[in-house]
């Protein structure tokens, strides 16, 4: 399985976090925010954690909850932390 640079991401891609093993963190890209964050100058990505991975509730305990989402598996993360899966 090859990993690509984060700037190649698109909606519907399966991604992993660079700091976690594949079995602990895997998600599906739902939306890409084109406006870079003013502090980091990086774009952010809305992802939904896949069922069955160890950290499926990654966003529930680590980050402030976005009130628009009722699901604890959905959250925003910086694009620089993600890599796309490819077969």
N, C-alpha and C. Protein backbone atom coordinates (compact mmCIF):
# COMPACT_ATOMS: atom_id res chain seq x y z
N UNK A 1 0.84 -1.17 0.00
CA UNK A 1 0.00 0.00 0.00
C UNK A 1 0.89 1.24 0.00
N UNK A 2 0.71 2.14 -0.97
CA UNK A 2 1.52 3.34 -1.09
C UNK A 2 0.83 4.51 -0.41
N UNK A 3 1.63 5.43 0.11
CA UNK A 3 1.11 6.64 0.73
C UNK A 3 1.50 7.84 -0.11
N UNK A 4 0.56 8.79 -0.27
CA UNK A 4 0.79 9.97 -1.07
C UNK A 4 0.85 11.21 -0.21
N UNK A 5 1.39 12.29 -0.76
CA UNK A 5 1.44 13.55 -0.04
C UNK A 5 0.02 14.07 0.19
N UNK A 6 -0.19 14.84 1.26
CA UNK A 6 -1.53 15.27 1.63
C UNK A 6 -2.22 16.19 0.63
N UNK A 7 -1.49 16.86 -0.24
CA UNK A 7 -2.13 17.79 -1.17
C UNK A 7 -2.91 17.07 -2.27
N UNK A 8 -2.86 15.77 -2.35
CA UNK A 8 -3.58 14.99 -3.36
C UNK A 8 -4.93 14.47 -2.85
N UNK A 9 -5.35 14.85 -1.65
CA UNK A 9 -6.59 14.34 -1.08
C UNK A 9 -7.81 14.89 -1.78
N UNK A 10 -8.86 14.07 -1.83
CA UNK A 10 -10.15 14.51 -2.36
C UNK A 10 -11.25 13.83 -1.55
N UNK A 11 -12.46 14.36 -1.67
CA UNK A 11 -13.60 13.81 -0.94
C UNK A 11 -13.80 12.35 -1.32
N UNK A 12 -14.00 11.51 -0.31
CA UNK A 12 -14.20 10.08 -0.53
C UNK A 12 -12.94 9.25 -0.36
N UNK A 13 -11.79 9.89 -0.19
CA UNK A 13 -10.54 9.15 0.01
C UNK A 13 -10.48 8.51 1.39
N UNK A 14 -9.84 7.38 1.46
CA UNK A 14 -9.56 6.70 2.72
C UNK A 14 -8.19 7.19 3.18
N UNK A 15 -8.12 7.72 4.43
CA UNK A 15 -6.88 8.32 4.91
C UNK A 15 -6.46 7.71 6.25
N UNK A 16 -5.18 7.91 6.58
CA UNK A 16 -4.64 7.50 7.87
C UNK A 16 -3.90 8.68 8.47
N UNK A 17 -3.71 8.64 9.78
CA UNK A 17 -2.96 9.67 10.51
C UNK A 17 -1.50 9.24 10.54
N UNK A 18 -0.58 10.17 10.36
CA UNK A 18 0.83 9.80 10.28
C UNK A 18 1.41 9.31 11.60
N UNK A 19 0.76 9.63 12.74
CA UNK A 19 1.29 9.22 14.03
C UNK A 19 0.71 7.93 14.58
N UNK A 20 -0.31 7.38 13.93
CA UNK A 20 -0.98 6.19 14.45
C UNK A 20 -0.86 5.02 13.46
N UNK A 21 -0.78 3.79 13.97
CA UNK A 21 -0.79 2.62 13.08
C UNK A 21 -2.14 2.49 12.36
N UNK A 22 -2.15 1.77 11.26
CA UNK A 22 -3.37 1.62 10.44
C UNK A 22 -4.55 1.06 11.22
N UNK A 23 -4.29 0.14 12.15
CA UNK A 23 -5.38 -0.49 12.89
C UNK A 23 -5.98 0.44 13.95
N UNK A 24 -5.29 1.55 14.26
CA UNK A 24 -5.77 2.46 15.28
C UNK A 24 -6.46 3.71 14.74
N UNK A 25 -6.14 4.12 13.52
CA UNK A 25 -6.68 5.38 12.99
C UNK A 25 -6.86 5.26 11.49
N UNK A 26 -8.10 5.23 11.05
CA UNK A 26 -8.43 5.24 9.62
C UNK A 26 -9.75 5.99 9.46
N UNK A 27 -9.84 6.81 8.42
CA UNK A 27 -11.03 7.65 8.26
C UNK A 27 -11.33 7.88 6.78
N UNK A 28 -12.53 8.38 6.55
CA UNK A 28 -13.01 8.71 5.21
C UNK A 28 -13.14 10.23 5.12
N UNK A 29 -12.61 10.83 4.05
CA UNK A 29 -12.68 12.28 3.86
C UNK A 29 -14.10 12.67 3.44
N UNK A 30 -14.71 13.59 4.21
CA UNK A 30 -16.06 14.07 3.91
C UNK A 30 -16.05 15.44 3.24
N UNK A 31 -15.09 16.28 3.64
CA UNK A 31 -15.04 17.64 3.12
C UNK A 31 -13.63 18.18 3.28
N UNK A 32 -13.20 19.03 2.36
CA UNK A 32 -11.90 19.69 2.46
C UNK A 32 -12.15 21.19 2.49
N UNK A 33 -11.66 21.84 3.55
CA UNK A 33 -11.82 23.28 3.70
C UNK A 33 -10.69 23.95 2.93
N UNK A 34 -11.04 24.70 1.89
CA UNK A 34 -10.04 25.33 1.04
C UNK A 34 -9.34 26.52 1.69
N UNK A 35 -9.96 27.13 2.70
CA UNK A 35 -9.37 28.27 3.38
C UNK A 35 -8.33 27.80 4.39
N UNK A 36 -7.07 28.19 4.24
CA UNK A 36 -6.06 27.78 5.21
C UNK A 36 -6.32 28.41 6.58
N UNK A 37 -5.93 27.69 7.61
CA UNK A 37 -6.01 28.20 8.98
C UNK A 37 -5.06 29.39 9.10
N UNK A 38 -5.49 30.51 9.69
CA UNK A 38 -4.61 31.68 9.78
C UNK A 38 -3.35 31.43 10.61
N UNK A 39 -3.43 30.56 11.60
CA UNK A 39 -2.29 30.30 12.46
C UNK A 39 -1.27 29.36 11.80
N UNK A 40 -1.73 28.26 11.24
CA UNK A 40 -0.82 27.25 10.70
C UNK A 40 -0.62 27.36 9.19
N UNK A 41 -1.50 28.09 8.51
CA UNK A 41 -1.48 28.23 7.04
C UNK A 41 -1.69 26.89 6.34
N UNK A 42 -2.36 25.96 7.01
CA UNK A 42 -2.68 24.66 6.44
C UNK A 42 -4.19 24.51 6.33
N UNK A 43 -4.64 23.78 5.34
CA UNK A 43 -6.06 23.50 5.19
C UNK A 43 -6.46 22.42 6.17
N UNK A 44 -7.75 22.32 6.43
CA UNK A 44 -8.23 21.26 7.31
C UNK A 44 -9.22 20.39 6.56
N UNK A 45 -9.39 19.17 7.08
CA UNK A 45 -10.21 18.16 6.41
C UNK A 45 -11.23 17.62 7.42
N UNK A 46 -12.47 17.49 6.98
CA UNK A 46 -13.51 16.87 7.79
C UNK A 46 -13.51 15.39 7.47
N UNK A 47 -13.32 14.57 8.50
CA UNK A 47 -13.26 13.12 8.30
C UNK A 47 -14.24 12.41 9.21
N UNK A 48 -14.59 11.21 8.81
CA UNK A 48 -15.41 10.32 9.63
C UNK A 48 -14.58 9.07 9.90
N UNK A 49 -14.35 8.80 11.19
CA UNK A 49 -13.57 7.63 11.58
C UNK A 49 -14.31 6.36 11.18
N UNK A 50 -13.57 5.37 10.72
CA UNK A 50 -14.17 4.11 10.30
C UNK A 50 -14.47 3.23 11.50
N UNK A 51 -15.58 2.49 11.45
CA UNK A 51 -15.88 1.56 12.54
C UNK A 51 -14.83 0.45 12.57
N UNK A 52 -14.52 -0.01 13.76
CA UNK A 52 -13.58 -1.11 13.90
C UNK A 52 -12.16 -0.69 14.22
N UNK A 53 -11.80 0.59 14.06
CA UNK A 53 -10.46 1.03 14.41
C UNK A 53 -10.43 1.39 15.89
N UNK A 54 -9.28 1.29 16.50
CA UNK A 54 -9.15 1.50 17.95
C UNK A 54 -9.61 2.90 18.36
N UNK A 55 -9.24 3.92 17.60
CA UNK A 55 -9.57 5.31 17.94
C UNK A 55 -10.78 5.83 17.17
N UNK A 56 -11.85 5.02 17.07
CA UNK A 56 -13.01 5.45 16.30
C UNK A 56 -13.70 6.66 16.92
N UNK A 57 -13.48 6.92 18.21
CA UNK A 57 -14.03 8.11 18.87
C UNK A 57 -12.92 9.13 19.15
N UNK A 58 -11.97 9.23 18.25
CA UNK A 58 -10.82 10.13 18.35
C UNK A 58 -11.25 11.56 18.65
N UNK A 59 -12.29 12.05 18.01
CA UNK A 59 -12.70 13.44 18.15
C UNK A 59 -13.57 13.69 19.39
N UNK A 60 -14.13 12.66 19.95
CA UNK A 60 -15.02 12.81 21.11
C UNK A 60 -14.26 13.30 22.34
N UNK A 61 -13.06 12.81 22.55
CA UNK A 61 -12.33 13.09 23.78
C UNK A 61 -11.18 14.08 23.61
N UNK A 62 -10.72 14.32 22.42
CA UNK A 62 -9.51 15.12 22.25
C UNK A 62 -9.75 16.56 21.81
N UNK A 63 -10.87 16.83 21.20
CA UNK A 63 -11.09 18.14 20.62
C UNK A 63 -12.46 18.68 20.99
N UNK A 64 -12.60 20.00 20.90
CA UNK A 64 -13.89 20.62 21.14
C UNK A 64 -14.87 20.14 20.08
N UNK A 65 -16.02 19.75 20.50
CA UNK A 65 -17.03 19.17 19.61
C UNK A 65 -17.63 20.25 18.71
N UNK A 66 -17.74 19.97 17.44
CA UNK A 66 -18.43 20.85 16.50
C UNK A 66 -19.92 20.57 16.64
N UNK A 67 -20.68 21.56 17.01
CA UNK A 67 -22.10 21.37 17.31
C UNK A 67 -22.94 20.94 16.10
N UNK A 68 -22.40 21.11 14.89
CA UNK A 68 -23.15 20.71 13.70
C UNK A 68 -23.27 19.20 13.56
N UNK A 69 -22.36 18.46 14.19
CA UNK A 69 -22.32 17.03 14.00
C UNK A 69 -22.82 16.30 15.23
N UNK A 70 -23.73 15.38 15.03
CA UNK A 70 -24.29 14.59 16.13
C UNK A 70 -23.48 13.32 16.38
N UNK A 71 -22.57 13.01 15.48
CA UNK A 71 -21.80 11.77 15.54
C UNK A 71 -20.42 12.05 16.15
N UNK A 72 -20.02 11.29 17.15
CA UNK A 72 -18.72 11.47 17.81
C UNK A 72 -17.54 11.01 16.96
N UNK A 73 -17.80 10.40 15.84
CA UNK A 73 -16.72 9.92 14.97
C UNK A 73 -16.35 10.92 13.89
N UNK A 74 -17.01 12.07 13.83
CA UNK A 74 -16.75 13.07 12.79
C UNK A 74 -16.02 14.26 13.40
N UNK A 75 -14.98 14.76 12.69
CA UNK A 75 -14.26 15.93 13.18
C UNK A 75 -13.30 16.48 12.15
N UNK A 76 -12.79 17.67 12.44
CA UNK A 76 -11.83 18.35 11.57
C UNK A 76 -10.41 18.03 12.02
N UNK A 77 -9.52 17.90 11.05
CA UNK A 77 -8.10 17.66 11.34
C UNK A 77 -7.27 18.33 10.25
N UNK A 78 -6.07 18.79 10.62
CA UNK A 78 -5.18 19.44 9.65
C UNK A 78 -4.75 18.48 8.56
N UNK A 79 -4.73 18.98 7.33
CA UNK A 79 -4.39 18.14 6.17
C UNK A 79 -2.96 17.60 6.25
N UNK A 80 -2.09 18.31 6.95
CA UNK A 80 -0.69 17.88 7.05
C UNK A 80 -0.51 16.61 7.89
N UNK A 81 -1.52 16.22 8.69
CA UNK A 81 -1.44 15.01 9.50
C UNK A 81 -1.92 13.76 8.77
N UNK A 82 -2.47 13.92 7.57
CA UNK A 82 -3.13 12.81 6.88
C UNK A 82 -2.35 12.33 5.67
N UNK A 83 -2.47 11.05 5.40
CA UNK A 83 -1.93 10.44 4.19
C UNK A 83 -3.01 9.55 3.58
N UNK A 84 -3.06 9.53 2.27
CA UNK A 84 -4.09 8.76 1.55
C UNK A 84 -3.60 7.34 1.30
N UNK A 85 -4.54 6.40 1.47
CA UNK A 85 -4.27 5.00 1.10
C UNK A 85 -4.41 4.86 -0.41
N UNK A 86 -3.61 4.01 -0.99
CA UNK A 86 -3.74 3.67 -2.40
C UNK A 86 -3.29 2.22 -2.58
N UNK A 87 -4.01 1.49 -3.42
CA UNK A 87 -3.64 0.10 -3.65
C UNK A 87 -2.75 -0.06 -4.85
